[in-house]
Amino acid sequence: MCGTVDLFSHPCSDCAAHWLMVAAGRIWKQAAGRNEVSTKKICIITGAAGFPGNNIVRELQNRPDVELRCLLLPGTSLESLQGLRYSLYYDSVTEPESLKEIFSIPSGALLYVIHCAGIVDRKPGYDPKVYAVNVQGTEIVARKTLEAGGRLIYISSVHAMSPGKGRQPMPPATVFDPDTVIGLYSKDKAEASRRVQALMKQGLDAVIVQPSGLIGPNDYDHTNMSEFFCEAASGKLPACVKAGYSFVDVRDAAQMIVAACTRGVSGQSYLAAGPTVSMMKLAVMAARISHTRPVALELPLDVVLAVTPVTALCYRLSGKKPLFTAFAVQTLESDSNFDVSKSVEDLGFSCRPLKETVTDIIRFQQGIFRLDADAILTPQGPVRAKNGKSVWTKTALAAAAIPAAAWPMAGRRRKSGRWRR
């Protein structure tokens, strides 16, 4: 031991050299730290007001070193972003010239682009506007990111993956082929992912994230799954489809997407997916959380598929979106056994308890959409639907009038491939 003495006059030269090296290392680390702090970080989020987008913005709120730039279409509601910190840009991903301002990056700044913008269209017919946004818009944003020298995090979908083989868990897709997936939305996502991969070969630094079914709070768009939970929690869901799927809390997906900005391996795809859970389990859980009567009737997929036209009519008359479309039924019968081990290892992905997610969904929907206060999270028992019978009850009564021969006929149509594009 040399003790506390003057290093420069101490005879132990080795000790003096050691402490000089330590001091130099500390000075270097402090300089590096100042440089890291001073490096400006800019994160562009397209479609920031949407369901995944606004949750990503919320995830980045506690990062004061990150400048958030939110890209929205003119006229988009800002309700989902109220009270959050961000800079707003009104532009379209389909118009490259309009993106010059948001992609104006100071020299030396680090740029991350999280591309969420897209149109979720379940209608069977081709829509050039949907293709322009989902496919061409993705390519435009990817090219702009390449020109600016940034990193792209493209939010694709598990629907863009080719069907799995056997019962083994499906890893993230490495090849995307629109011809092997069902539905226009899935084909658009596969084609957009393929174009991003093509730009990777030209030097684009990009990571593709593939979420499964997103559920959770902050759903200001009131998507089908949020409507499903509202119906179940209010005691208005007399029947449920006998099927299940992989669902993930949108907040867990948002955390993983943010982690992909700095920890994702360039050129790789990652899955954000939870375990497969039955629709009946979700419905019963929502009912028990809100102390209402749980659903008792479970209908086979073929039955639900056969009455889809009737349910669509009933929902249209009630002014609501249908819970189960033909595409939704096809999704529920598809394989949803996903392998998320790479996401766990590289990005620290994890799923919170399902009950926590469902509880937060019900609380949020109650506060935003003014659901029946006596039905949600209070021990009041079953609540009757407003204006008499609920939409689901009307649908069940209408379905009873359809000949029984319709059920196997729907199955034959589906298996024959007529539901493909």
Protein backbone atom coordinates (compact mmCIF):
# COMPACT_ATOMS: atom_id res chain seq x y z
CA MET A 1 0.00 0.00 0.00
CA CYS A 2 1.33 3.40 -0.92
CA GLY A 3 -0.99 5.45 1.25
CA THR A 4 -2.14 8.98 0.55
CA VAL A 5 1.02 10.68 -0.65
CA ASP A 6 2.14 12.84 -3.54
CA LEU A 7 2.20 10.48 -6.51
CA PHE A 8 4.72 12.54 -8.44
CA SER A 9 7.32 12.50 -5.59
CA HIS A 10 6.57 9.00 -4.36
CA PRO A 11 9.28 6.45 -5.08
CA CYS A 12 6.71 3.85 -6.15
CA SER A 13 6.64 4.66 -9.84
CA ASP A 14 4.25 1.80 -10.63
CA CYS A 15 1.69 3.23 -8.24
CA ALA A 16 2.06 6.70 -9.75
CA ALA A 17 1.63 5.33 -13.26
CA HIS A 18 -1.45 3.42 -12.19
CA TRP A 19 -3.17 6.46 -10.74
CA LEU A 20 -2.24 8.58 -13.72
CA MET A 21 -3.94 6.02 -15.96
CA VAL A 22 -7.03 6.03 -13.73
CA ALA A 23 -7.20 9.82 -13.83
CA ALA A 24 -6.80 9.85 -17.60
CA GLY A 25 -9.56 7.25 -17.95
CA ARG A 26 -11.93 9.32 -15.85
CA ILE A 27 -11.23 12.42 -17.91
CA TRP A 28 -11.85 10.46 -21.14
CA LYS A 29 -15.14 9.03 -19.81
CA GLN A 30 -16.33 12.47 -18.73
CA ALA A 31 -15.54 13.86 -22.17
CA ALA A 32 -17.27 10.95 -23.85
CA GLY A 33 -20.28 11.38 -21.59
CA ARG A 34 -20.52 15.09 -22.40
CA ASN A 35 -20.31 14.25 -26.09
CA GLU A 36 -23.04 11.60 -25.77
CA VAL A 37 -25.33 13.96 -23.90
CA SER A 38 -24.74 16.74 -26.41
CA THR A 39 -25.56 14.48 -29.38
CA LYS A 40 -29.04 15.41 -30.49
CA LYS A 41 -31.50 12.57 -30.92
CA ILE A 42 -34.55 13.01 -33.15
CA CYS A 43 -37.36 10.48 -33.38
CA ILE A 44 -39.96 10.79 -36.14
CA ILE A 45 -43.18 8.85 -35.53
CA THR A 46 -45.56 8.55 -38.46
CA GLY A 47 -49.20 7.87 -37.66
CA ALA A 48 -48.48 9.06 -34.13
CA ALA A 49 -52.14 9.61 -33.20
CA GLY A 50 -53.08 5.99 -33.91
CA PHE A 51 -53.33 3.14 -31.41
CA PRO A 52 -49.69 1.96 -31.51
CA GLY A 53 -48.38 5.43 -32.38
CA ASN A 54 -49.69 7.33 -29.37
CA ASN A 55 -48.47 4.60 -27.02
CA ILE A 56 -44.98 4.90 -28.53
CA VAL A 57 -45.12 8.67 -27.97
CA ARG A 58 -46.08 8.01 -24.35
CA GLU A 59 -43.19 5.58 -23.96
CA LEU A 60 -40.76 8.28 -25.14
CA GLN A 61 -42.13 11.01 -22.87
CA ASN A 62 -39.52 10.34 -20.19
CA ARG A 63 -36.62 10.73 -22.62
CA PRO A 64 -35.79 14.46 -22.42
CA ASP A 65 -32.80 13.95 -24.70
CA VAL A 66 -35.08 12.87 -27.56
CA GLU A 67 -36.88 15.38 -29.78
CA LEU A 68 -40.22 13.87 -30.82
CA ARG A 69 -41.61 14.76 -34.23
CA CYS A 70 -45.11 13.44 -34.91
CA LEU A 71 -46.30 13.14 -38.50
CA LEU A 72 -50.06 13.28 -39.04
CA LEU A 73 -52.44 13.82 -41.92
CA PRO A 74 -54.14 17.23 -41.95
CA GLY A 75 -57.39 17.06 -40.02
CA THR A 76 -56.32 14.19 -37.77
CA SER A 77 -57.72 14.39 -34.24
CA LEU A 78 -55.13 15.19 -31.57
CA GLU A 79 -57.17 13.75 -28.70
CA SER A 80 -54.85 10.77 -28.24
CA LEU A 81 -51.82 13.07 -27.95
CA GLN A 82 -53.34 15.59 -25.57
CA GLY A 83 -50.92 16.66 -22.84
CA LEU A 84 -47.92 14.94 -24.42
CA ARG A 85 -44.62 16.50 -25.45
CA TYR A 86 -43.99 16.54 -29.21
CA SER A 87 -43.56 18.70 -32.30
CA LEU A 88 -46.40 18.40 -34.80
CA TYR A 89 -46.02 18.09 -38.57
CA TYR A 90 -48.99 17.82 -40.93
CA ASP A 91 -47.87 15.94 -44.04
CA SER A 92 -48.65 12.82 -46.05
CA VAL A 93 -46.37 9.80 -46.38
CA THR A 94 -47.49 9.48 -50.01
CA GLU A 95 -46.02 12.87 -50.98
CA PRO A 96 -42.20 12.89 -50.81
CA GLU A 97 -41.90 16.66 -51.29
CA SER A 98 -44.07 17.35 -48.25
CA LEU A 99 -41.69 15.41 -46.00
CA LYS A 100 -38.70 17.72 -46.47
CA GLU A 101 -39.33 19.74 -43.31
CA ILE A 102 -39.81 16.85 -40.90
CA PHE A 103 -36.72 15.11 -42.32
CA SER A 104 -34.61 18.27 -41.92
CA ILE A 105 -31.98 16.97 -39.50
CA PRO A 106 -29.13 19.02 -37.93
CA SER A 107 -25.62 17.87 -38.70
CA GLY A 108 -24.42 15.20 -36.28
CA ALA A 109 -27.88 14.37 -34.93
CA LEU A 110 -29.04 10.78 -34.57
CA LEU A 111 -32.28 10.05 -36.43
CA TYR A 112 -34.78 7.30 -35.66
CA VAL A 113 -37.92 6.90 -37.75
CA ILE A 114 -40.74 4.75 -36.36
CA HIS A 115 -43.15 4.17 -39.22
CA CYS A 116 -46.62 3.35 -37.86
CA ALA A 117 -48.74 5.14 -40.46
CA GLY A 118 -51.10 2.83 -42.30
CA ILE A 119 -54.72 2.08 -43.07
CA VAL A 120 -56.20 -1.03 -41.49
CA ASP A 121 -58.79 -1.93 -44.12
CA ARG A 122 -60.63 -5.25 -43.79
CA LYS A 123 -62.89 -4.76 -46.82
CA PRO A 124 -62.44 -7.39 -49.56
CA GLY A 125 -62.14 -5.00 -52.53
CA TYR A 126 -58.91 -3.39 -53.72
CA ASP A 127 -58.53 0.26 -52.71
CA PRO A 128 -55.77 2.26 -54.44
CA LYS A 129 -55.68 4.74 -51.54
CA VAL A 130 -54.96 1.97 -49.05
CA TYR A 131 -52.20 0.57 -51.28
CA ALA A 132 -50.71 4.05 -51.73
CA VAL A 133 -50.43 4.56 -47.96
CA ASN A 134 -49.52 1.06 -46.80
CA VAL A 135 -47.07 0.12 -49.56
CA GLN A 136 -45.91 3.17 -51.49
CA GLY A 137 -45.95 5.37 -48.39
CA THR A 138 -43.74 2.89 -46.55
CA GLU A 139 -41.23 2.89 -49.39
CA ILE A 140 -41.20 6.69 -49.49
CA VAL A 141 -40.55 6.96 -45.74
CA ALA A 142 -37.84 4.30 -46.00
CA ARG A 143 -36.09 6.18 -48.82
CA LYS A 144 -36.26 9.43 -46.88
CA THR A 145 -34.71 7.69 -43.88
CA LEU A 146 -31.94 6.30 -46.07
CA GLU A 147 -31.20 9.74 -47.53
CA ALA A 148 -31.09 11.28 -44.04
CA GLY A 149 -28.79 8.56 -42.71
CA GLY A 150 -31.22 7.48 -40.00
CA ARG A 151 -32.53 4.17 -38.69
CA LEU A 152 -36.00 2.97 -39.68
CA ILE A 153 -38.22 0.91 -37.38
CA TYR A 154 -40.98 -0.37 -39.63
CA ILE A 155 -44.11 -1.59 -37.85
CA SER A 156 -45.21 -4.47 -40.02
CA SER A 157 -47.56 -7.25 -38.83
CA VAL A 158 -47.65 -10.97 -38.15
CA HIS A 159 -50.25 -11.04 -40.93
CA ALA A 160 -47.40 -10.41 -43.38
CA MET A 161 -45.84 -13.77 -42.45
CA SER A 162 -46.32 -16.87 -44.55
CA PRO A 163 -48.30 -19.60 -42.73
CA GLY A 164 -46.23 -21.82 -40.45
CA LYS A 165 -45.57 -25.49 -41.08
CA GLY A 166 -46.43 -28.03 -38.44
CA ARG A 167 -46.92 -27.18 -34.79
CA GLN A 168 -43.55 -25.57 -34.15
CA PRO A 169 -43.54 -21.92 -32.96
CA MET A 170 -43.06 -19.52 -35.86
CA PRO A 171 -39.92 -17.36 -35.74
CA PRO A 172 -39.83 -13.83 -37.20
CA ALA A 173 -40.15 -13.72 -40.96
CA THR A 174 -36.96 -13.39 -42.99
CA VAL A 175 -38.69 -13.48 -46.39
CA PHE A 176 -41.98 -11.77 -47.22
CA ASP A 177 -44.18 -13.02 -50.07
CA PRO A 178 -47.58 -11.38 -50.68
CA ASP A 179 -48.74 -14.42 -52.66
CA THR A 180 -48.58 -16.67 -49.59
CA VAL A 181 -50.79 -14.61 -47.27
CA ILE A 182 -54.57 -14.12 -47.20
CA GLY A 183 -56.35 -10.77 -47.39
CA LEU A 184 -55.50 -7.44 -48.99
CA TYR A 185 -54.21 -5.92 -45.75
CA SER A 186 -51.84 -8.84 -45.19
CA LYS A 187 -50.62 -8.68 -48.78
CA ASP A 188 -49.95 -4.94 -48.50
CA LYS A 189 -47.97 -5.43 -45.30
CA ALA A 190 -45.94 -8.24 -46.88
CA GLU A 191 -45.19 -6.16 -49.97
CA ALA A 192 -44.20 -3.13 -47.86
CA SER A 193 -41.89 -5.30 -45.74
CA ARG A 194 -40.32 -6.70 -48.89
CA ARG A 195 -39.63 -3.19 -50.20
CA VAL A 196 -38.00 -2.22 -46.91
CA GLN A 197 -35.76 -5.28 -47.20
CA ALA A 198 -34.85 -4.26 -50.76
CA LEU A 199 -33.72 -0.85 -49.50
CA MET A 200 -31.66 -2.55 -46.78
CA LYS A 201 -29.52 -3.97 -49.57
CA GLN A 202 -28.91 -0.38 -50.69
CA GLY A 203 -27.63 0.61 -47.25
CA LEU A 204 -30.78 1.37 -45.27
CA ASP A 205 -30.36 0.78 -41.54
CA ALA A 206 -33.71 -0.77 -40.65
CA VAL A 207 -35.43 -3.11 -38.24
CA ILE A 208 -38.84 -4.70 -38.88
CA VAL A 209 -41.20 -5.25 -35.95
CA GLN A 210 -44.15 -7.61 -36.34
CA PRO A 211 -46.83 -7.22 -33.65
CA SER A 212 -49.64 -9.73 -33.21
CA GLY A 213 -53.12 -8.61 -32.09
CA LEU A 214 -52.72 -5.31 -30.25
CA ILE A 215 -54.90 -4.71 -27.20
CA GLY A 216 -54.64 -2.25 -24.35
CA PRO A 217 -55.59 1.25 -23.20
CA ASN A 218 -55.26 4.54 -25.11
CA ASP A 219 -57.30 3.13 -28.01
CA TYR A 220 -58.98 6.33 -29.13
CA ASP A 221 -59.90 4.71 -32.44
CA HIS A 222 -62.05 2.21 -30.54
CA THR A 223 -60.88 -0.77 -32.56
CA ASN A 224 -62.77 -4.05 -32.83
CA MET A 225 -61.06 -5.65 -29.85
CA SER A 226 -61.82 -2.67 -27.61
CA GLU A 227 -65.45 -2.91 -28.70
CA PHE A 228 -65.35 -6.62 -27.88
CA PHE A 229 -64.13 -5.91 -24.35
CA CYS A 230 -66.77 -3.20 -23.90
CA GLU A 231 -69.56 -5.57 -24.92
CA ALA A 232 -68.25 -8.29 -22.61
CA ALA A 233 -67.71 -5.93 -19.66
CA SER A 234 -71.19 -4.44 -20.02
CA GLY A 235 -72.92 -7.82 -20.05
CA LYS A 236 -74.07 -7.33 -23.64
CA LEU A 237 -72.20 -10.26 -25.18
CA PRO A 238 -74.54 -13.29 -25.25
CA ALA A 239 -72.28 -15.37 -27.51
CA CYS A 240 -68.58 -15.73 -28.28
CA VAL A 241 -66.63 -17.34 -31.10
CA LYS A 242 -64.88 -20.62 -30.31
CA ALA A 243 -61.35 -19.60 -31.27
CA GLY A 244 -58.28 -17.83 -29.96
CA TYR A 245 -55.30 -15.78 -31.03
CA SER A 246 -52.04 -14.22 -29.88
CA PHE A 247 -52.62 -10.82 -28.30
CA VAL A 248 -50.03 -8.40 -26.94
CA ASP A 249 -50.44 -5.33 -24.75
CA VAL A 250 -49.76 -2.31 -26.93
CA ARG A 251 -47.60 -0.81 -24.16
CA ASP A 252 -45.34 -3.87 -24.11
CA ALA A 253 -45.07 -3.65 -27.90
CA ALA A 254 -44.26 0.08 -27.63
CA GLN A 255 -41.45 -0.61 -25.15
CA MET A 256 -39.98 -3.18 -27.52
CA ILE A 257 -40.25 -0.83 -30.50
CA VAL A 258 -38.39 1.90 -28.61
CA ALA A 259 -35.74 -0.63 -27.59
CA ALA A 260 -35.35 -1.62 -31.25
CA CYS A 261 -34.18 1.92 -32.02
CA THR A 262 -30.89 1.34 -30.22
CA ARG A 263 -30.68 -2.39 -29.52
CA GLY A 264 -32.22 -3.97 -32.61
CA VAL A 265 -29.84 -5.65 -35.05
CA SER A 266 -29.96 -3.92 -38.42
CA GLY A 267 -31.66 -6.01 -41.09
CA GLN A 268 -33.48 -8.22 -38.59
CA SER A 269 -37.18 -8.81 -37.90
CA TYR A 270 -38.63 -9.11 -34.40
CA LEU A 271 -41.96 -10.42 -33.15
CA ALA A 272 -44.03 -8.61 -30.52
CA ALA A 273 -46.52 -11.30 -29.61
CA GLY A 274 -48.15 -12.72 -26.53
CA PRO A 275 -49.41 -16.23 -25.81
CA THR A 276 -52.48 -17.54 -27.60
CA VAL A 277 -55.64 -17.00 -25.56
CA SER A 278 -59.22 -17.95 -26.35
CA MET A 279 -61.84 -15.30 -27.03
CA MET A 280 -64.04 -16.93 -24.40
CA LYS A 281 -61.34 -16.50 -21.75
CA LEU A 282 -60.99 -12.82 -22.64
CA ALA A 283 -64.75 -12.28 -22.54
CA VAL A 284 -65.18 -14.05 -19.20
CA MET A 285 -62.24 -12.16 -17.71
CA ALA A 286 -63.72 -8.80 -18.78
CA ALA A 287 -67.09 -9.73 -17.29
CA ARG A 288 -65.62 -10.84 -13.97
CA ILE A 289 -63.45 -7.74 -13.67
CA SER A 290 -66.53 -5.55 -14.12
CA HIS A 291 -68.77 -7.84 -12.03
CA THR A 292 -71.22 -8.61 -14.81
CA ARG A 293 -72.67 -11.88 -16.05
CA PRO A 294 -70.07 -13.73 -18.16
CA VAL A 295 -70.92 -14.98 -21.62
CA ALA A 296 -72.14 -18.58 -21.72
CA LEU A 297 -72.64 -19.42 -25.40
CA GLU A 298 -69.64 -20.32 -27.57
CA LEU A 299 -70.24 -20.55 -31.35
CA PRO A 300 -68.05 -22.53 -33.80
CA LEU A 301 -66.06 -20.57 -36.37
CA ASP A 302 -68.14 -21.88 -39.27
CA VAL A 303 -71.31 -20.61 -37.65
CA VAL A 304 -69.85 -17.15 -37.07
CA LEU A 305 -68.51 -17.06 -40.62
CA ALA A 306 -71.92 -18.00 -42.04
CA VAL A 307 -73.74 -15.23 -40.16
CA THR A 308 -71.11 -12.59 -40.91
CA PRO A 309 -73.35 -10.86 -43.53
CA VAL A 310 -76.20 -10.75 -41.01
CA THR A 311 -74.02 -9.37 -38.23
CA ALA A 312 -72.63 -6.75 -40.59
CA LEU A 313 -76.18 -5.61 -41.38
CA CYS A 314 -77.18 -5.50 -37.71
CA TYR A 315 -74.12 -3.48 -36.77
CA ARG A 316 -74.64 -1.13 -39.70
CA LEU A 317 -78.21 -0.48 -38.55
CA SER A 318 -76.95 0.22 -35.04
CA GLY A 319 -74.20 2.53 -36.26
CA LYS A 320 -71.41 0.31 -34.90
CA LYS A 321 -68.51 -1.49 -36.50
CA PRO A 322 -68.93 -5.29 -36.73
CA LEU A 323 -66.87 -7.24 -34.22
CA PHE A 324 -66.25 -10.24 -36.45
CA THR A 325 -65.68 -9.72 -40.17
CA ALA A 326 -64.69 -12.45 -42.62
CA PHE A 327 -61.05 -11.36 -42.27
CA ALA A 328 -61.28 -11.46 -38.47
CA VAL A 329 -62.63 -15.01 -38.58
CA GLN A 330 -59.84 -16.08 -40.94
CA THR A 331 -57.33 -14.53 -38.55
CA LEU A 332 -58.76 -16.37 -35.56
CA GLU A 333 -58.46 -19.73 -37.31
CA SER A 334 -54.84 -19.11 -38.36
CA ASP A 335 -51.79 -20.32 -36.47
CA SER A 336 -50.67 -17.85 -33.79
CA ASN A 337 -47.94 -19.81 -32.07
CA PHE A 338 -45.05 -17.35 -32.34
CA ASP A 339 -41.45 -17.67 -31.18
CA VAL A 340 -40.44 -14.42 -29.45
CA SER A 341 -37.14 -15.68 -28.02
CA LYS A 342 -35.11 -13.36 -30.25
CA SER A 343 -37.16 -10.36 -29.11
CA VAL A 344 -36.61 -11.36 -25.48
CA GLU A 345 -32.87 -11.81 -25.92
CA ASP A 346 -32.11 -8.75 -28.06
CA LEU A 347 -34.75 -6.25 -26.96
CA GLY A 348 -35.77 -7.38 -23.48
CA PHE A 349 -39.35 -8.02 -24.59
CA SER A 350 -41.82 -9.25 -21.96
CA CYS A 351 -45.59 -9.40 -21.52
CA ARG A 352 -47.42 -8.08 -18.49
CA PRO A 353 -50.23 -10.16 -16.89
CA LEU A 354 -53.30 -10.43 -19.11
CA LYS A 355 -55.63 -9.41 -16.28
CA GLU A 356 -53.75 -6.11 -15.91
CA THR A 357 -54.22 -5.41 -19.61
CA VAL A 358 -57.95 -6.19 -19.61
CA THR A 359 -58.53 -4.12 -16.46
CA ASP A 360 -56.76 -1.12 -17.99
CA ILE A 361 -58.76 -1.48 -21.22
CA ILE A 362 -62.05 -1.36 -19.32
CA ARG A 363 -60.98 1.60 -17.17
CA PHE A 364 -59.86 3.54 -20.24
CA GLN A 365 -62.97 2.80 -22.29
CA GLN A 366 -65.18 3.76 -19.35
CA GLY A 367 -63.46 7.11 -18.98
CA ILE A 368 -63.28 8.01 -22.67
CA PHE A 369 -66.46 6.58 -24.16
CA ARG A 370 -68.72 6.87 -21.08
CA LEU A 371 -69.71 3.25 -20.84
CA ASP A 372 -72.44 2.22 -18.41
CA ALA A 373 -70.91 3.41 -15.15
CA ASP A 374 -72.86 0.86 -13.12
CA ALA A 375 -71.54 -1.99 -15.24
CA ILE A 376 -67.84 -1.26 -15.27
CA LEU A 377 -65.65 -2.17 -12.30
CA THR A 378 -68.54 -1.95 -9.83
CA PRO A 379 -70.41 -4.85 -8.22
CA GLN A 380 -73.78 -4.00 -9.75
CA GLY A 381 -74.46 -7.20 -11.67
CA PRO A 382 -75.61 -7.59 -15.27
CA VAL A 383 -76.66 -4.50 -17.18
CA ARG A 384 -79.23 -4.62 -19.94
CA ALA A 385 -78.39 -3.10 -23.29
CA LYS A 386 -79.79 0.30 -24.10
CA ASN A 387 -82.86 0.41 -26.34
CA GLY A 388 -83.82 -3.17 -25.54
CA LYS A 389 -81.79 -5.99 -27.04
CA SER A 390 -78.09 -5.62 -27.74
CA VAL A 391 -76.58 -5.89 -31.19
CA TRP A 392 -75.34 -9.38 -30.37
CA THR A 393 -78.80 -10.47 -29.25
CA LYS A 394 -80.32 -9.17 -32.46
CA THR A 395 -77.62 -10.99 -34.40
CA ALA A 396 -78.28 -14.26 -32.57
CA LEU A 397 -82.00 -14.00 -33.29
CA ALA A 398 -81.33 -13.23 -36.95
CA ALA A 399 -78.90 -16.14 -37.18
CA ALA A 400 -81.56 -18.50 -35.88
CA ALA A 401 -83.58 -17.82 -39.00
CA ILE A 402 -80.78 -18.97 -41.32
CA PRO A 403 -81.12 -22.59 -42.51
CA ALA A 404 -78.77 -25.05 -40.84
CA ALA A 405 -77.40 -25.94 -44.27
CA ALA A 406 -75.58 -22.60 -44.31
CA TRP A 407 -73.06 -23.73 -41.67
CA PRO A 408 -71.30 -26.54 -43.61
CA MET A 409 -71.61 -24.54 -46.82
CA ALA A 410 -69.53 -21.75 -45.30
CA GLY A 411 -66.89 -24.27 -44.31
CA ARG A 412 -66.71 -25.65 -47.85
CA ARG A 413 -66.32 -22.16 -49.31
CA ARG A 414 -63.49 -21.36 -46.92
CA LYS A 415 -61.63 -24.62 -47.54
CA SER A 416 -62.01 -24.36 -51.30
CA GLY A 417 -59.99 -21.16 -51.30
CA ARG A 418 -62.74 -18.76 -52.38
CA TRP A 419 -61.89 -16.51 -49.46
CA ARG A 420 -58.44 -15.84 -50.87
CA ARG A 421 -57.73 -12.75 -52.86
